[in-house]
N, C-alpha and C. Protein backbone atom coordinates (compact mmCIF):
# COMPACT_ATOMS: atom_id res chain seq x y z
N MET A 1 106.41 104.08 114.49
CA MET A 1 107.81 103.38 114.89
C MET A 1 107.04 102.05 114.67
N THR A 2 107.75 101.18 113.84
CA THR A 2 108.13 99.88 113.32
C THR A 2 107.44 98.83 114.14
N LYS A 3 106.53 98.16 114.41
CA LYS A 3 106.32 97.20 115.11
C LYS A 3 107.58 95.51 115.09
N ARG A 4 107.04 94.93 115.85
CA ARG A 4 108.54 93.47 116.72
C ARG A 4 107.78 92.69 116.61
N LEU A 5 108.25 92.06 116.05
CA LEU A 5 107.22 90.55 115.74
C LEU A 5 108.44 89.42 116.02
N ASN A 6 108.48 88.85 116.83
CA ASN A 6 109.33 87.74 117.64
C ASN A 6 108.72 86.38 117.32
N ILE A 7 109.68 85.51 116.66
CA ILE A 7 109.06 83.91 116.79
C ILE A 7 109.81 83.34 117.46
N SER A 8 108.92 82.19 117.83
CA SER A 8 108.84 80.68 118.89
C SER A 8 108.83 80.22 118.43
N SER A 9 109.88 79.16 118.17
CA SER A 9 110.04 77.54 118.03
C SER A 9 109.05 76.85 119.29
N GLY A 10 109.41 77.62 120.26
CA GLY A 10 109.14 76.94 121.17
C GLY A 10 109.59 76.14 122.52
N THR A 11 111.11 76.28 122.33
CA THR A 11 112.25 75.19 122.80
C THR A 11 112.65 75.94 124.02
N LYS A 12 113.76 75.46 125.03
CA LYS A 12 113.51 76.19 126.50
C LYS A 12 114.91 77.03 126.16
N TRP A 13 115.45 76.99 125.08
CA TRP A 13 117.00 77.48 124.62
C TRP A 13 116.81 78.69 125.12
N GLU A 14 115.23 79.47 123.78
CA GLU A 14 115.11 79.91 123.43
C GLU A 14 114.92 81.64 125.09
N ASP A 15 114.41 81.00 126.00
CA ASP A 15 113.85 81.64 127.21
C ASP A 15 115.54 81.87 127.64
N ILE A 16 115.80 80.50 127.74
CA ILE A 16 117.43 80.16 128.78
C ILE A 16 118.30 81.85 128.29
N VAL A 17 118.43 81.07 126.48
CA VAL A 17 119.57 82.18 125.92
C VAL A 17 119.47 83.51 125.96
N GLY A 18 117.48 83.88 125.48
CA GLY A 18 117.30 84.99 125.26
C GLY A 18 117.12 84.93 123.85
N TYR A 19 116.65 84.56 122.57
CA TYR A 19 116.82 84.51 121.86
C TYR A 19 115.58 84.36 121.58
N SER A 20 114.76 84.82 119.76
CA SER A 20 113.77 84.26 119.05
C SER A 20 114.28 83.26 118.25
N ARG A 21 113.51 82.54 117.35
CA ARG A 21 113.44 81.36 116.00
C ARG A 21 114.04 82.66 114.64
N ALA A 22 112.96 83.12 115.04
CA ALA A 22 112.86 85.23 113.60
C ALA A 22 112.42 86.37 114.68
N VAL A 23 113.23 86.57 114.10
CA VAL A 23 112.24 88.39 114.64
C VAL A 23 111.96 89.57 113.04
N ARG A 24 110.72 89.87 113.40
CA ARG A 24 109.97 90.27 111.66
C ARG A 24 110.24 92.22 112.60
N ILE A 25 110.66 93.16 111.57
CA ILE A 25 110.55 94.16 112.08
C ILE A 25 110.16 95.00 110.38
N GLY A 26 109.12 95.31 110.33
CA GLY A 26 108.84 95.73 109.14
C GLY A 26 108.37 94.68 108.06
N ASN A 27 108.97 94.56 106.80
CA ASN A 27 108.85 94.24 106.09
C ASN A 27 111.11 93.05 105.87
N VAL A 28 111.38 93.10 106.83
CA VAL A 28 112.84 92.49 107.38
C VAL A 28 112.61 91.06 108.09
N ILE A 29 112.85 90.12 108.44
CA ILE A 29 112.57 88.95 108.61
C ILE A 29 113.99 88.62 108.72
N GLU A 30 115.06 88.49 109.90
CA GLU A 30 116.11 87.43 110.20
C GLU A 30 115.81 86.26 110.93
N THR A 31 116.29 85.12 110.01
CA THR A 31 116.02 83.96 111.24
C THR A 31 117.78 83.33 112.10
N ALA A 32 117.42 82.94 113.63
CA ALA A 32 118.44 82.71 114.41
C ALA A 32 119.48 81.77 113.67
N GLY A 33 120.57 81.69 114.06
CA GLY A 33 121.44 79.84 113.59
C GLY A 33 120.07 78.71 113.74
N THR A 34 119.66 77.89 112.46
CA THR A 34 118.90 76.99 112.71
C THR A 34 120.26 75.71 113.07
N THR A 35 119.82 74.59 113.59
CA THR A 35 120.20 73.39 113.55
C THR A 35 119.13 72.52 112.73
N ALA A 36 119.79 70.75 112.92
CA ALA A 36 118.78 69.95 112.92
C ALA A 36 118.28 69.75 113.97
N ILE A 37 117.90 69.58 115.04
CA ILE A 37 117.64 69.41 116.02
C ILE A 37 116.12 69.89 115.77
N ASP A 38 114.55 68.16 116.10
CA ASP A 38 113.82 68.15 116.09
C ASP A 38 112.81 68.68 117.17
N GLU A 39 112.11 68.97 117.19
CA GLU A 39 110.90 69.20 117.90
C GLU A 39 111.28 68.43 119.80
N ASN A 40 111.88 66.67 119.38
CA ASN A 40 112.06 66.40 120.78
C ASN A 40 113.38 66.42 121.50
N GLY A 41 114.34 67.34 120.79
CA GLY A 41 115.95 67.53 121.08
C GLY A 41 116.37 66.60 120.19
N THR A 42 115.99 65.76 119.29
CA THR A 42 117.09 64.91 118.63
C THR A 42 117.51 65.54 117.67
N ILE A 43 118.88 64.68 116.83
CA ILE A 43 119.21 65.15 115.44
C ILE A 43 118.87 64.68 114.54
N VAL A 44 118.34 65.45 113.78
CA VAL A 44 117.83 64.90 112.67
C VAL A 44 118.81 65.05 111.70
N GLY A 45 119.17 63.56 111.23
CA GLY A 45 120.76 63.65 109.85
C GLY A 45 121.73 62.93 109.96
N LEU A 46 122.11 62.49 110.93
CA LEU A 46 123.30 62.11 112.05
C LEU A 46 124.40 61.88 110.70
N ASN A 47 125.02 62.27 111.12
CA ASN A 47 126.73 62.36 110.16
C ASN A 47 126.16 62.23 108.11
N ASP A 48 125.22 63.10 108.26
CA ASP A 48 124.96 63.59 106.68
C ASP A 48 123.89 64.79 106.64
N PRO A 49 125.13 65.51 106.18
CA PRO A 49 124.47 67.15 106.49
C PRO A 49 123.84 67.36 105.25
N TYR A 50 123.71 66.55 103.89
CA TYR A 50 122.72 66.81 103.64
C TYR A 50 121.19 66.86 103.75
N GLN A 51 120.84 65.56 104.60
CA GLN A 51 119.88 65.57 105.04
C GLN A 51 119.52 66.72 106.70
N GLN A 52 120.84 67.12 106.86
CA GLN A 52 120.31 67.99 108.08
C GLN A 52 119.81 69.40 107.41
N THR A 53 120.85 69.58 106.29
CA THR A 53 120.35 71.24 106.05
C THR A 53 118.69 71.14 105.01
N LYS A 54 118.13 69.59 104.55
CA LYS A 54 117.01 69.57 104.76
C LYS A 54 115.70 70.27 105.17
N PHE A 55 115.96 69.31 106.75
CA PHE A 55 115.49 69.01 107.71
C PHE A 55 115.88 71.09 107.72
N ILE A 56 116.70 71.75 108.34
CA ILE A 56 117.06 72.79 108.68
C ILE A 56 116.42 73.66 108.04
N PHE A 57 116.72 73.88 106.71
CA PHE A 57 115.57 74.67 105.68
C PHE A 57 114.15 74.29 105.53
N ALA A 58 114.10 72.86 106.55
CA ALA A 58 112.47 73.14 106.89
C ALA A 58 111.75 73.69 108.07
N LYS A 59 112.73 73.84 108.81
CA LYS A 59 112.03 74.48 110.21
C LYS A 59 112.48 76.42 109.99
N ILE A 60 113.19 76.94 109.15
CA ILE A 60 113.09 77.98 108.72
C ILE A 60 112.42 78.12 108.44
N GLU A 61 111.67 77.10 106.72
CA GLU A 61 110.19 77.77 106.71
C GLU A 61 109.03 77.99 107.19
N LYS A 62 109.34 76.86 108.47
CA LYS A 62 107.79 77.15 109.47
C LYS A 62 107.91 79.04 110.63
N ALA A 63 109.15 79.16 110.53
CA ALA A 63 109.41 80.46 110.97
C ALA A 63 108.93 81.81 110.05
N LEU A 64 109.36 81.43 108.74
CA LEU A 64 109.31 82.42 107.91
C LEU A 64 107.80 82.60 107.56
N ILE A 65 106.91 81.00 107.58
CA ILE A 65 105.65 81.05 107.53
C ILE A 65 104.54 81.76 108.86
N ALA A 66 105.23 82.25 109.82
CA ALA A 66 104.71 82.39 110.87
C ALA A 66 105.12 83.77 110.65
N ALA A 67 105.89 84.60 110.07
CA ALA A 67 106.12 85.53 110.39
C ALA A 67 105.56 86.55 109.16
N GLY A 68 105.28 85.47 108.53
CA GLY A 68 103.68 86.34 107.13
C GLY A 68 104.91 86.29 105.54
N SER A 69 105.95 85.09 105.54
CA SER A 69 106.45 85.31 104.38
C SER A 69 106.80 83.32 104.44
N SER A 70 107.81 83.99 102.74
CA SER A 70 108.04 82.56 102.86
C SER A 70 109.39 81.91 102.30
N LEU A 71 110.07 81.05 101.65
CA LEU A 71 111.15 81.32 101.11
C LEU A 71 111.30 81.90 99.91
N ASN A 72 110.89 81.57 99.39
CA ASN A 72 110.78 82.91 98.05
C ASN A 72 111.17 84.39 98.57
N ASP A 73 111.17 84.69 99.64
CA ASP A 73 111.13 86.16 100.26
C ASP A 73 112.50 86.02 100.62
N VAL A 74 113.44 85.28 100.68
CA VAL A 74 114.27 84.67 101.22
C VAL A 74 116.09 85.88 100.25
N ILE A 75 116.77 86.81 100.61
CA ILE A 75 117.66 87.08 99.63
C ILE A 75 119.00 86.70 100.55
N ARG A 76 119.23 85.91 101.17
CA ARG A 76 120.72 85.80 101.75
C ARG A 76 120.20 84.62 102.57
N THR A 77 121.72 83.91 102.34
CA THR A 77 121.49 82.43 103.29
C THR A 77 122.62 82.47 104.36
N ARG A 78 123.72 81.94 104.56
CA ARG A 78 124.62 82.01 105.71
C ARG A 78 124.74 80.36 106.48
N MET A 79 125.38 79.21 106.18
CA MET A 79 126.12 78.61 106.72
C MET A 79 127.03 78.32 106.92
N PHE A 80 126.89 77.61 107.86
CA PHE A 80 128.16 77.69 109.01
C PHE A 80 128.26 75.58 108.96
N VAL A 81 129.55 75.12 108.36
CA VAL A 81 129.84 73.95 108.47
C VAL A 81 131.04 73.33 108.95
N THR A 82 130.25 72.42 109.85
CA THR A 82 132.11 71.94 110.15
C THR A 82 132.78 70.81 109.40
N ASP A 83 132.58 71.05 107.86
CA ASP A 83 133.96 70.11 107.41
C ASP A 83 133.48 71.02 105.79
N ILE A 84 134.20 71.58 105.52
CA ILE A 84 133.61 72.03 104.47
C ILE A 84 133.77 70.77 102.82
N SER A 85 134.89 70.08 103.35
CA SER A 85 134.83 68.85 102.07
C SER A 85 133.73 68.11 101.64
N ARG A 86 132.98 68.69 103.03
CA ARG A 86 131.30 67.46 102.45
C ARG A 86 130.08 69.30 101.47
N TRP A 87 131.02 70.40 101.50
CA TRP A 87 130.04 71.22 101.02
C TRP A 87 129.35 71.01 99.60
N GLU A 88 129.41 69.80 99.01
CA GLU A 88 128.70 69.61 97.56
C GLU A 88 127.26 69.01 97.86
N GLU A 89 127.41 68.03 99.41
CA GLU A 89 126.33 67.83 99.87
C GLU A 89 125.50 68.51 100.43
N ILE A 90 125.49 70.14 101.14
CA ILE A 90 124.80 70.88 101.47
C ILE A 90 124.53 71.68 100.23
N GLY A 91 125.35 72.20 99.85
CA GLY A 91 125.22 73.05 98.59
C GLY A 91 124.13 72.15 98.00
N ARG A 92 123.75 70.54 97.52
CA ARG A 92 122.86 70.81 96.78
C ARG A 92 121.45 70.31 96.96
N ALA A 93 121.60 70.25 98.79
CA ALA A 93 120.41 70.20 99.47
C ALA A 93 120.07 71.97 99.32
N HIS A 94 120.49 73.30 99.50
CA HIS A 94 120.98 74.35 99.09
C HIS A 94 119.53 74.70 97.93
N GLY A 95 120.43 74.29 96.64
CA GLY A 95 120.17 74.49 95.78
C GLY A 95 118.63 73.81 95.53
N GLU A 96 118.57 72.46 95.87
CA GLU A 96 117.16 71.77 95.79
C GLU A 96 116.08 72.81 96.34
N VAL A 97 116.33 73.29 97.42
CA VAL A 97 115.33 74.74 97.88
C VAL A 97 115.00 75.80 97.26
N PHE A 98 116.43 76.77 96.86
CA PHE A 98 116.59 77.72 96.30
C PHE A 98 117.47 77.56 94.19
N LYS A 99 116.99 76.56 93.94
CA LYS A 99 117.27 77.17 92.65
C LYS A 99 116.75 77.71 91.59
N ASP A 100 115.47 78.53 92.02
CA ASP A 100 114.74 79.25 91.16
C ASP A 100 114.58 80.49 92.11
N ILE A 101 114.96 80.95 93.65
CA ILE A 101 115.16 82.35 93.81
C ILE A 101 116.81 82.42 94.07
N LYS A 102 117.38 81.52 94.68
CA LYS A 102 118.88 82.13 94.29
C LYS A 102 119.17 83.33 94.84
N PRO A 103 118.90 83.25 96.17
CA PRO A 103 119.75 84.14 97.40
C PRO A 103 120.87 84.46 97.14
N ALA A 104 122.00 85.80 97.27
CA ALA A 104 123.02 85.84 98.42
C ALA A 104 123.12 84.54 99.14
N SER A 105 124.21 83.81 98.98
CA SER A 105 124.57 82.94 100.14
C SER A 105 125.83 82.77 100.34
N THR A 106 126.42 82.41 101.57
CA THR A 106 127.80 82.41 102.09
C THR A 106 128.06 80.69 102.89
N MET A 107 128.70 79.69 102.77
CA MET A 107 129.77 78.68 103.64
C MET A 107 131.04 78.57 104.55
N VAL A 108 130.71 78.88 105.07
CA VAL A 108 131.97 79.00 105.70
C VAL A 108 132.09 78.02 106.99
N GLU A 109 133.06 77.38 106.54
CA GLU A 109 133.49 76.43 108.01
C GLU A 109 133.69 76.80 109.12
N VAL A 110 133.18 76.12 109.95
CA VAL A 110 133.71 76.33 111.42
C VAL A 110 134.73 75.26 112.67
N LYS A 111 134.83 76.21 113.73
CA LYS A 111 136.10 74.96 114.27
C LYS A 111 134.53 73.57 114.87
N ALA A 112 133.60 74.30 115.21
CA ALA A 112 132.61 73.28 116.16
C ALA A 112 131.42 74.27 116.27
N LEU A 113 130.15 73.55 115.93
CA LEU A 113 128.85 73.68 116.60
C LEU A 113 128.77 73.23 117.77
N ILE A 114 127.66 73.51 118.67
CA ILE A 114 127.49 73.71 119.72
C ILE A 114 126.92 71.95 120.43
N ASN A 115 127.15 71.60 118.91
CA ASN A 115 127.04 69.85 119.46
C ASN A 115 127.48 69.03 118.45
N PRO A 116 128.52 67.87 118.59
CA PRO A 116 129.30 67.82 117.83
C PRO A 116 128.58 67.13 116.45
N ASP A 117 127.45 66.75 117.14
CA ASP A 117 126.69 66.09 115.05
C ASP A 117 125.94 66.46 114.81
N MET A 118 126.04 67.58 115.49
CA MET A 118 125.37 69.04 114.29
C MET A 118 126.63 69.67 113.39
N LEU A 119 126.63 69.49 112.51
CA LEU A 119 127.27 69.65 110.85
C LEU A 119 127.08 70.76 110.13
N VAL A 120 125.87 71.48 110.53
CA VAL A 120 125.46 72.44 109.80
C VAL A 120 124.30 73.80 110.72
N GLU A 121 125.00 74.40 110.33
CA GLU A 121 123.98 75.91 111.29
C GLU A 121 123.78 76.52 109.85
N ILE A 122 122.80 77.27 109.65
CA ILE A 122 121.78 78.24 108.72
C ILE A 122 121.13 79.32 109.82
N GLU A 123 121.33 80.58 108.86
CA GLU A 123 120.42 81.52 109.00
C GLU A 123 119.85 82.53 107.98
N VAL A 124 119.08 82.91 107.89
CA VAL A 124 118.69 83.75 106.36
C VAL A 124 118.07 84.82 106.61
N THR A 125 118.50 86.03 105.59
CA THR A 125 117.67 87.40 105.67
C THR A 125 116.25 86.48 105.09
N ALA A 126 115.12 87.83 104.80
CA ALA A 126 113.94 87.22 104.40
C ALA A 126 113.49 89.16 104.18
N ILE A 127 112.93 89.51 102.82
CA ILE A 127 112.40 90.71 102.73
C ILE A 127 111.10 90.87 102.24
N VAL A 128 110.39 90.78 102.83
CA VAL A 128 108.53 90.69 102.15
C VAL A 128 108.47 91.56 101.24
N GLN A 129 107.92 91.24 100.05
CA GLN A 129 107.69 91.78 98.87
C GLN A 129 105.68 92.61 99.35
N ASP A 130 106.18 93.87 98.93
CA ASP A 130 104.29 94.64 99.02
C ASP A 130 103.61 93.70 97.99
């Protein structure tokens, strides 16, 4: 049986809701939907989807590192945005992180996220290369 590794970011919501920031089983890592909330519960990049996206990828990178991986292992990104008309700002931040990696990617508009100041939520799949 393959060992399961749950990665926590330490937020109270992980225990309340029952989820992990990331889960690694074998060489596959899945991250939870990640938003631009810092360790103090403050939203980073108010009304700025570019800044929110950059912050989110930094959070995701920390989780991947804790799971023994990196952004270089990301094969898929899923971006949920509250205003698709601002896709270029989000896409620019994505491109700055993944311009050489080029994972499969999806961006969809959603009606709302859990907090109206959140403009972007992102999850990724990574496969660690041997």
